[in-house]
N, C-alpha and C. Protein backbone atom coordinates (compact mmCIF):
# COMPACT_ATOMS: atom_id res chain seq x y z
N MET A 1 96.80 139.21 93.86
CA MET A 1 97.36 139.58 93.12
C MET A 1 98.03 138.24 92.66
N LEU A 2 97.04 137.58 91.76
CA LEU A 2 98.86 136.14 91.18
C LEU A 2 99.70 137.01 90.53
N SER A 3 101.00 135.75 90.41
CA SER A 3 102.14 136.17 89.61
C SER A 3 102.09 135.87 88.52
N LYS A 4 102.49 136.38 87.78
CA LYS A 4 102.27 135.83 85.98
C LYS A 4 102.95 134.06 86.02
N LYS A 5 104.05 133.11 86.47
CA LYS A 5 103.87 131.82 87.02
C LYS A 5 102.37 131.30 87.49
N ILE A 6 101.83 131.38 88.24
CA ILE A 6 100.40 131.29 88.65
C ILE A 6 99.49 131.45 88.18
N GLU A 7 99.45 132.88 87.11
CA GLU A 7 98.27 132.77 86.65
C GLU A 7 98.68 132.04 84.90
N ALA A 8 99.80 131.17 84.99
CA ALA A 8 99.89 130.26 83.30
C ALA A 8 99.77 129.41 83.73
N ALA A 9 100.03 129.13 85.03
CA ALA A 9 100.07 127.33 84.89
C ALA A 9 98.54 127.44 85.51
N LEU A 10 96.96 128.42 86.38
CA LEU A 10 95.95 127.82 86.77
C LEU A 10 95.50 128.38 84.65
N ASN A 11 96.02 128.99 84.03
CA ASN A 11 95.18 129.10 82.28
C ASN A 11 95.78 127.78 82.21
N GLN A 12 96.94 127.01 82.19
CA GLN A 12 97.44 124.83 81.29
C GLN A 12 96.85 124.92 81.84
N GLN A 13 95.90 124.80 83.85
CA GLN A 13 95.08 124.32 84.34
C GLN A 13 93.57 124.28 83.65
N ILE A 14 93.58 125.48 82.84
CA ILE A 14 91.73 125.68 82.57
C ILE A 14 92.13 125.26 81.15
N ALA A 15 92.99 125.10 80.46
CA ALA A 15 92.24 124.00 78.62
C ALA A 15 92.99 122.83 79.08
N ILE A 16 93.40 121.89 80.52
CA ILE A 16 92.72 120.38 80.53
C ILE A 16 91.32 120.28 81.35
N GLU A 17 91.23 121.49 81.95
CA GLU A 17 89.47 120.80 82.13
C GLU A 17 88.77 120.95 80.67
N ALA A 18 89.00 122.10 80.07
CA ALA A 18 87.90 121.81 78.92
C ALA A 18 89.01 120.84 78.05
N MET A 19 89.30 119.96 77.35
CA MET A 19 89.79 119.57 77.08
C MET A 19 89.28 117.67 77.74
N SER A 20 89.62 117.81 79.15
CA SER A 20 89.01 116.39 79.57
C SER A 20 86.78 116.74 78.85
N SER A 21 86.80 117.59 79.61
CA SER A 21 85.54 117.79 78.94
C SER A 21 85.11 117.91 77.82
N GLN A 22 85.57 117.92 76.93
CA GLN A 22 85.45 117.46 75.43
C GLN A 22 85.70 116.05 75.44
N ALA A 23 86.86 115.13 75.92
CA ALA A 23 86.98 114.35 75.27
C ALA A 23 86.01 112.98 76.02
N TYR A 24 85.35 113.59 77.44
CA TYR A 24 84.43 113.18 77.54
C TYR A 24 83.04 113.52 77.46
N LEU A 25 82.87 114.48 76.52
CA LEU A 25 81.77 114.44 75.54
C LEU A 25 82.14 113.46 74.63
N ALA A 26 83.09 113.39 73.83
CA ALA A 26 83.42 112.43 73.27
C ALA A 26 83.20 111.19 73.55
N MET A 27 83.64 110.50 74.35
CA MET A 27 83.29 109.86 74.64
C MET A 27 81.99 109.12 74.42
N ALA A 28 80.82 109.96 75.16
CA ALA A 28 79.74 110.33 75.23
C ALA A 28 79.30 109.53 73.99
N SER A 29 79.60 110.24 73.22
CA SER A 29 78.84 110.27 71.85
C SER A 29 79.16 109.46 71.62
N TRP A 30 79.90 108.32 71.74
CA TRP A 30 79.78 107.45 71.18
C TRP A 30 79.58 106.23 71.78
N ALA A 31 79.61 106.08 72.82
CA ALA A 31 78.37 105.80 73.70
C ALA A 31 76.84 104.99 73.76
N GLU A 32 76.58 107.06 73.21
CA GLU A 32 75.35 106.88 73.05
C GLU A 32 75.04 106.06 71.78
N ASN A 33 75.71 106.10 70.66
CA ASN A 33 75.54 105.42 69.49
C ASN A 33 75.73 103.58 69.64
N GLN A 34 76.45 103.66 69.92
CA GLN A 34 76.52 101.93 70.60
C GLN A 34 75.67 101.59 71.25
N GLY A 35 74.50 102.60 72.02
CA GLY A 35 73.61 102.42 72.35
C GLY A 35 73.50 101.79 74.21
N LEU A 36 74.56 102.22 74.65
CA LEU A 36 75.05 102.19 75.96
C LEU A 36 74.51 103.15 76.44
N GLY A 37 73.28 103.69 76.72
CA GLY A 37 72.13 104.91 77.28
C GLY A 37 73.07 105.01 78.90
N GLY A 38 73.21 104.24 79.40
CA GLY A 38 73.96 104.78 80.50
C GLY A 38 75.35 105.20 80.98
N THR A 39 76.07 104.30 80.00
CA THR A 39 77.11 104.45 79.96
C THR A 39 77.31 106.21 79.56
N ALA A 40 76.85 106.51 78.41
CA ALA A 40 76.26 107.61 77.64
C ALA A 40 75.90 108.28 79.11
N ALA A 41 74.93 109.07 79.51
CA ALA A 41 74.43 109.84 80.76
C ALA A 41 75.64 110.43 81.55
N PHE A 42 75.86 108.70 81.47
CA PHE A 42 76.80 108.63 83.03
C PHE A 42 77.79 109.80 82.52
N LEU A 43 78.85 109.82 81.29
CA LEU A 43 80.10 110.50 80.06
C LEU A 43 79.75 112.51 80.95
N TYR A 44 78.54 111.69 79.76
CA TYR A 44 77.40 113.76 79.51
C TYR A 44 78.59 113.86 81.04
N LYS A 45 78.13 113.68 82.07
CA LYS A 45 77.33 114.05 83.60
C LYS A 45 79.29 114.65 83.65
N HIS A 46 79.29 113.36 83.35
CA HIS A 46 81.83 113.65 83.61
C HIS A 46 82.34 114.77 83.19
N SER A 47 81.12 114.77 81.80
CA SER A 47 81.81 116.11 80.84
C SER A 47 81.62 117.86 81.38
N ASP A 48 80.11 117.46 81.75
CA ASP A 48 79.58 119.16 82.37
C ASP A 48 80.43 119.50 83.67
N GLU A 49 80.61 118.00 84.24
CA GLU A 49 81.30 117.74 85.59
C GLU A 49 83.10 119.18 85.33
N GLU A 50 83.43 118.02 84.33
CA GLU A 50 85.18 118.83 83.95
C GLU A 50 84.73 120.01 83.72
N ARG A 51 83.59 120.71 83.23
CA ARG A 51 83.83 122.20 82.10
C ARG A 51 83.75 122.88 83.11
N MET A 52 82.64 122.00 84.43
CA MET A 52 81.88 123.50 86.20
C MET A 52 83.56 123.91 86.66
N HIS A 53 84.64 122.50 86.45
CA HIS A 53 86.23 122.54 87.28
C HIS A 53 86.94 123.02 86.50
N MET A 54 86.13 123.69 85.09
CA MET A 54 87.08 125.04 84.17
C MET A 54 86.57 126.16 84.36
N LEU A 55 85.38 126.50 85.12
CA LEU A 55 84.69 127.52 84.57
C LEU A 55 85.64 127.72 86.67
N LYS A 56 85.49 127.10 87.55
CA LYS A 56 85.59 127.13 88.52
C LYS A 56 87.16 128.14 89.00
N LEU A 57 87.82 127.62 88.12
CA LEU A 57 89.01 127.59 87.56
C LEU A 57 89.35 129.27 87.64
N VAL A 58 88.20 129.35 86.11
CA VAL A 58 88.22 130.84 85.49
C VAL A 58 87.92 131.95 86.14
N LYS A 59 86.73 131.09 87.09
CA LYS A 59 85.73 132.66 87.52
C LYS A 59 87.72 132.82 88.98
N PHE A 60 88.16 131.57 89.41
CA PHE A 60 89.64 132.04 90.39
C PHE A 60 90.66 133.70 90.33
N VAL A 61 90.99 132.38 88.60
CA VAL A 61 92.17 134.06 88.03
C VAL A 61 91.25 135.41 88.69
N ASN A 62 90.33 135.38 87.32
CA ASN A 62 89.96 136.59 87.53
C ASN A 62 89.11 137.06 88.70
N GLU A 63 89.25 136.90 90.17
CA GLU A 63 89.43 136.98 90.49
C GLU A 63 89.87 138.58 92.07
N ARG A 64 91.07 136.98 91.31
CA ARG A 64 92.50 137.29 91.72
C ARG A 64 93.37 138.32 90.86
N GLY A 65 92.50 139.40 89.77
CA GLY A 65 93.29 139.80 89.19
C GLY A 65 94.20 139.57 88.56
N GLY A 66 94.22 138.55 87.87
CA GLY A 66 94.45 137.98 86.25
C GLY A 66 93.21 137.69 85.78
N LYS A 67 93.86 137.09 84.56
CA LYS A 67 93.17 137.28 82.93
C LYS A 67 93.35 135.65 82.74
N ALA A 68 91.51 135.38 83.06
CA ALA A 68 91.86 133.35 82.62
C ALA A 68 92.04 133.23 81.01
N VAL A 69 92.12 132.58 80.48
CA VAL A 69 92.10 133.27 78.51
C VAL A 69 91.29 131.23 78.73
N ILE A 70 90.15 131.29 77.49
CA ILE A 70 89.61 130.24 77.81
C ILE A 70 90.08 129.32 75.90
N PRO A 71 90.36 128.29 75.79
CA PRO A 71 91.64 127.58 75.32
C PRO A 71 90.80 127.23 73.45
N ALA A 72 91.57 127.48 72.73
CA ALA A 72 90.84 126.75 71.72
C ALA A 72 91.37 125.57 71.67
N LEU A 73 90.46 124.25 71.28
CA LEU A 73 90.65 122.62 72.15
C LEU A 73 91.16 122.25 70.66
N LYS A 74 91.26 121.03 70.27
CA LYS A 74 91.74 119.77 69.01
C LYS A 74 90.33 118.99 69.22
N GLN A 75 90.40 118.34 68.71
CA GLN A 75 88.94 117.30 67.88
C GLN A 75 89.59 116.41 69.33
N PRO A 76 89.23 115.62 69.64
CA PRO A 76 88.83 114.65 70.60
C PRO A 76 88.70 113.25 70.62
N GLY A 77 89.44 112.45 69.89
CA GLY A 77 89.29 110.80 69.41
C GLY A 77 87.92 110.99 69.72
N THR A 78 87.44 110.13 68.78
CA THR A 78 85.54 109.66 68.72
C THR A 78 85.42 107.71 68.13
N ASN A 79 86.52 107.85 67.63
CA ASN A 79 86.66 106.00 67.58
C ASN A 79 86.90 105.45 68.71
N TYR A 80 86.01 104.01 69.11
CA TYR A 80 87.51 103.40 71.01
C TYR A 80 86.41 102.11 70.26
N LYS A 81 87.08 100.98 70.89
CA LYS A 81 87.36 99.65 70.16
C LYS A 81 86.12 99.11 70.97
N ASP A 82 86.68 99.77 72.50
CA ASP A 82 84.55 98.77 73.45
C ASP A 82 85.16 100.93 74.40
N ILE A 83 83.96 99.09 75.24
CA ILE A 83 83.25 100.13 76.66
C ILE A 83 85.32 100.09 77.44
N THR A 84 85.05 99.33 77.45
CA THR A 84 86.01 99.21 78.71
C THR A 84 87.49 100.55 78.24
N GLU A 85 87.72 100.39 76.81
CA GLU A 85 88.76 100.87 75.29
C GLU A 85 88.60 102.54 76.67
N ILE A 86 87.48 102.70 77.08
CA ILE A 86 86.75 104.04 77.07
C ILE A 86 86.81 104.52 78.68
N PHE A 87 87.06 103.08 79.31
CA PHE A 87 87.31 103.69 80.70
C PHE A 87 88.68 103.82 80.72
N LYS A 88 88.61 102.90 80.63
CA LYS A 88 91.31 103.19 80.41
C LYS A 88 91.36 104.61 79.96
N ALA A 89 91.08 104.87 78.89
CA ALA A 89 91.49 105.68 78.41
C ALA A 89 90.81 107.06 79.76
N LEU A 90 89.15 106.89 80.04
CA LEU A 90 89.01 108.49 81.27
C LEU A 90 89.99 108.03 82.56
N PHE A 91 90.72 106.86 82.43
CA PHE A 91 91.62 106.67 83.51
C PHE A 91 92.99 107.14 83.67
N GLN A 92 93.07 107.10 82.05
CA GLN A 92 94.55 108.37 82.30
C GLN A 92 94.50 109.09 81.69
N SER A 93 93.12 110.08 81.20
CA SER A 93 93.12 110.93 81.64
C SER A 93 93.02 111.91 83.39
N GLU A 94 92.09 110.98 83.59
CA GLU A 94 92.23 111.36 85.21
C GLU A 94 94.14 111.01 86.06
N THR A 95 94.62 110.09 85.61
CA THR A 95 95.44 110.32 86.30
C THR A 95 97.05 111.50 86.14
N LYS A 96 96.66 112.40 84.38
CA LYS A 96 97.32 113.63 83.59
C LYS A 96 96.69 114.22 84.39
N VAL A 97 95.45 114.76 84.44
CA VAL A 97 94.93 115.80 85.03
C VAL A 97 95.40 115.85 86.83
N THR A 98 95.84 114.78 87.60
CA THR A 98 95.98 113.99 89.35
C THR A 98 97.77 115.25 88.94
N ASN A 99 98.41 114.73 87.72
CA ASN A 99 100.18 115.32 87.77
C ASN A 99 99.92 116.86 87.51
N GLU A 100 98.90 116.86 86.55
CA GLU A 100 98.71 118.69 86.71
C GLU A 100 98.60 118.93 87.35
N ILE A 101 97.76 119.21 87.89
CA ILE A 101 97.37 119.54 89.40
C ILE A 101 98.09 119.27 90.88
N ASN A 102 98.82 118.57 90.22
CA ASN A 102 99.69 118.80 91.71
C ASN A 102 100.62 119.90 91.96
N GLY A 103 101.02 119.71 89.95
CA GLY A 103 102.86 120.59 90.10
C GLY A 103 102.12 121.54 90.42
N VAL A 104 100.06 122.25 90.15
CA VAL A 104 100.12 123.10 90.73
C VAL A 104 100.63 123.76 91.49
N VAL A 105 100.27 123.11 92.09
CA VAL A 105 100.19 122.89 93.99
C VAL A 105 101.61 122.98 94.13
N ASP A 106 102.49 122.79 94.06
CA ASP A 106 103.55 122.53 94.47
C ASP A 106 104.08 123.90 93.78
N LEU A 107 103.76 124.48 92.62
CA LEU A 107 103.66 126.00 92.71
C LEU A 107 103.94 126.87 93.60
N CYS A 108 102.89 126.58 93.87
CA CYS A 108 101.51 127.52 94.87
C CYS A 108 103.02 128.23 96.39
N LEU A 109 103.52 126.51 96.58
CA LEU A 109 103.91 126.08 97.77
C LEU A 109 105.89 126.43 97.15
N LYS A 110 106.18 126.68 96.32
CA LYS A 110 107.70 127.96 95.77
C LYS A 110 107.48 128.76 95.83
N GLU A 111 106.06 128.93 95.01
CA GLU A 111 106.03 131.28 94.94
C GLU A 111 104.63 131.93 96.56
N LYS A 112 105.17 130.54 97.35
CA LYS A 112 103.86 130.94 98.10
C LYS A 112 102.93 132.21 98.37
N ASP A 113 102.33 131.38 97.29
CA ASP A 113 101.23 131.14 96.91
C ASP A 113 99.92 131.24 97.62
N TYR A 114 99.62 130.61 98.86
CA TYR A 114 99.50 129.90 100.16
C TYR A 114 97.05 129.90 99.68
N SER A 115 96.92 130.96 99.15
CA SER A 115 95.54 131.54 98.59
C SER A 115 95.00 130.24 97.70
N THR A 116 96.19 130.53 96.25
CA THR A 116 95.35 129.21 95.37
C THR A 116 96.40 127.65 95.85
N HIS A 117 96.60 128.71 96.86
CA HIS A 117 97.50 125.96 97.78
C HIS A 117 96.10 126.22 97.91
N ASN A 118 94.56 127.12 98.75
CA ASN A 118 93.75 126.38 99.64
C ASN A 118 93.06 126.06 98.63
N PHE A 119 93.03 126.80 97.71
CA PHE A 119 92.06 126.68 96.82
C PHE A 119 92.22 125.38 96.07
N MET A 120 93.36 125.07 95.50
CA MET A 120 93.78 124.18 94.40
C MET A 120 93.46 122.97 95.34
N GLN A 121 93.46 122.57 97.01
CA GLN A 121 93.15 120.92 97.57
C GLN A 121 91.78 120.34 97.13
N TRP A 122 90.84 121.45 96.58
CA TRP A 122 89.45 120.61 96.16
C TRP A 122 89.61 120.38 94.77
N TYR A 123 90.76 120.74 94.40
CA TYR A 123 91.03 119.61 92.87
C TYR A 123 91.56 118.36 93.82
N VAL A 124 92.57 118.84 94.44
CA VAL A 124 93.23 117.83 94.83
C VAL A 124 92.79 116.24 95.53
N SER A 125 91.48 117.12 96.00
CA SER A 125 90.43 115.50 96.53
C SER A 125 89.30 115.13 95.54
N GLU A 126 89.32 116.50 94.89
CA GLU A 126 88.85 116.00 93.94
C GLU A 126 89.14 114.96 92.46
N GLN A 127 90.36 115.21 92.83
CA GLN A 127 91.44 113.59 92.00
C GLN A 127 91.94 112.12 92.47
N ILE A 128 91.55 112.25 93.93
CA ILE A 128 91.63 111.60 94.75
C ILE A 128 90.21 110.49 94.18
N GLU A 129 89.12 110.87 94.09
CA GLU A 129 87.79 110.57 94.11
C GLU A 129 87.56 110.06 92.57
N GLU A 130 87.98 110.66 91.42
CA GLU A 130 88.05 110.95 90.36
C GLU A 130 88.06 109.20 89.93
N GLU A 131 90.05 109.69 90.38
CA GLU A 131 90.79 108.27 89.62
C GLU A 131 89.86 106.60 90.55
N ALA A 132 89.61 106.77 91.98
CA ALA A 132 89.06 105.82 92.51
C ALA A 132 87.83 105.50 91.64
N LEU A 133 86.99 106.90 91.14
CA LEU A 133 85.57 105.62 90.39
C LEU A 133 86.64 104.91 89.17
N ALA A 134 87.38 106.49 88.41
CA ALA A 134 87.55 104.90 87.35
C ALA A 134 87.95 103.37 87.05
N ARG A 135 88.88 103.23 88.11
CA ARG A 135 89.52 102.48 88.95
C ARG A 135 88.23 101.21 88.80
N THR A 136 87.18 101.82 89.75
CA THR A 136 86.61 100.83 89.63
C THR A 136 85.89 99.81 89.18
N LEU A 137 85.57 101.35 88.13
CA LEU A 137 84.50 101.01 87.01
C LEU A 137 85.35 99.97 86.63
N ILE A 138 86.92 100.56 85.63
CA ILE A 138 87.37 99.15 85.06
C ILE A 138 87.76 97.76 85.54
N ASP A 139 88.05 97.77 86.91
CA ASP A 139 87.27 96.55 87.16
C ASP A 139 85.92 95.72 87.73
N LYS A 140 84.85 96.48 87.52
CA LYS A 140 84.10 96.16 87.45
C LYS A 140 83.29 95.17 85.85
N LEU A 141 84.60 95.94 84.60
CA LEU A 141 85.10 96.35 83.64
C LEU A 141 85.09 94.88 83.40
N ASN A 142 86.37 94.01 83.75
CA ASN A 142 86.97 92.90 83.38
C ASN A 142 86.28 92.21 84.87
N LEU A 143 85.57 92.43 85.50
CA LEU A 143 85.18 91.38 85.55
C LEU A 143 83.87 90.89 84.74
N ILE A 144 82.99 91.26 84.28
CA ILE A 144 82.38 91.04 83.36
C ILE A 144 83.32 90.97 82.09
N GLY A 145 83.65 90.97 81.96
CA GLY A 145 84.38 90.55 80.26
C GLY A 145 83.41 90.56 79.26
N ASN A 146 83.01 89.09 78.08
CA ASN A 146 82.42 89.46 77.03
C ASN A 146 80.97 88.94 77.44
N ASP A 147 80.79 89.26 78.87
CA ASP A 147 79.27 88.61 79.00
C ASP A 147 78.45 89.74 78.77
N LYS A 148 77.49 89.74 77.35
CA LYS A 148 76.77 90.85 77.40
C LYS A 148 75.59 91.48 78.66
N GLY A 149 74.82 89.89 78.72
CA GLY A 149 74.60 90.56 81.13
C GLY A 149 75.30 91.23 81.58
N GLY A 150 76.15 91.20 81.86
CA GLY A 150 76.70 91.54 82.51
C GLY A 150 77.06 93.21 81.67
N LEU A 151 77.97 93.21 80.56
CA LEU A 151 77.32 94.49 80.39
C LEU A 151 76.37 95.77 81.28
N TYR A 152 74.86 94.57 80.36
CA TYR A 152 73.50 95.68 79.94
C TYR A 152 73.61 95.91 81.45
N LEU A 153 73.57 94.99 82.39
CA LEU A 153 73.93 95.36 84.10
C LEU A 153 74.17 96.06 84.22
N PHE A 154 75.48 96.70 84.44
CA PHE A 154 77.17 97.72 83.55
C PHE A 154 76.06 98.87 83.90
N ASP A 155 75.30 98.99 82.08
CA ASP A 155 75.18 100.43 81.72
C ASP A 155 73.86 100.86 82.69
N ARG A 156 73.17 99.66 82.97
CA ARG A 156 72.26 100.57 83.49
C ARG A 156 72.50 100.71 85.33
N ASP A 157 72.93 100.55 85.66
CA ASP A 157 74.11 101.16 87.00
C ASP A 157 74.27 102.43 86.54
N LEU A 158 75.39 102.58 85.76
CA LEU A 158 75.82 104.18 85.09
C LEU A 158 74.46 104.95 84.73
N LEU A 159 73.45 104.54 84.50
CA LEU A 159 72.14 105.53 83.80
C LEU A 159 71.70 106.13 85.73
N GLY A 160 71.67 105.39 86.52
CA GLY A 160 71.31 106.44 88.06
C GLY A 160 72.61 107.13 88.36
N MET A 161 74.36 106.74 88.15
CA MET A 161 75.15 107.22 88.25
C MET A 161 74.66 109.11 87.90
N GLY A 162 74.45 108.24 86.26
CA GLY A 162 74.66 109.72 85.49
C GLY A 162 73.63 111.05 85.91
N ASN A 163 72.56 110.58 86.07
CA ASN A 163 70.88 110.84 86.40
C ASN A 163 70.90 111.84 88.16
N THR A 164 72.18 112.15 89.10
CA THR A 164 72.70 112.33 90.03
C THR A 164 73.68 113.63 90.41
N PRO A 165 72.23 114.28 90.91
CA PRO A 165 73.02 115.93 90.58
C PRO A 165 74.20 115.69 90.79
N LEU A 166 74.60 117.36 89.35
CA LEU A 166 75.76 117.50 89.21
C LEU A 166 77.16 118.01 90.21
N LYS A 167 78.51 117.41 90.79
CA LYS A 167 79.35 118.62 92.16
C LYS A 167 80.11 118.94 91.51
N GLY A 168 81.01 120.53 92.42
CA GLY A 168 82.02 120.44 92.43
C GLY A 168 81.95 121.86 91.33
């Protein structure tokens, strides 16, 4: 049985994962409208992954005797200066998610809820991957600069990443 504090923290994390999914969906739509099909495919997939992270939390809360709350969401931003701004926003979002997950893990230890602590370790590992990927993509965009040919190749590479099976 989940404590009320843990249940509230997990429901907050459900909202965070849902907001991330929506933000990445909005980014994907922007990219698609800019002719960046590979970037759009990557971001659509990333949005789906965040939704799966949310669903995983929903099921865990309910299985542990809590009540998962599905949040109302604010409309995410829809205008971006360029693709680099998109990936910087994605990186900032992932670092925020990491901090929130670390807070849940810390609360689990304080509350001596080792089952939830164990469950959250998957999210801890996932965030290491997510941040590293975002950082790598920003580094690549910085190398490309304003080179249109480089941007074309970057977008094409992301198409391949967007078409791989979902994880999580």
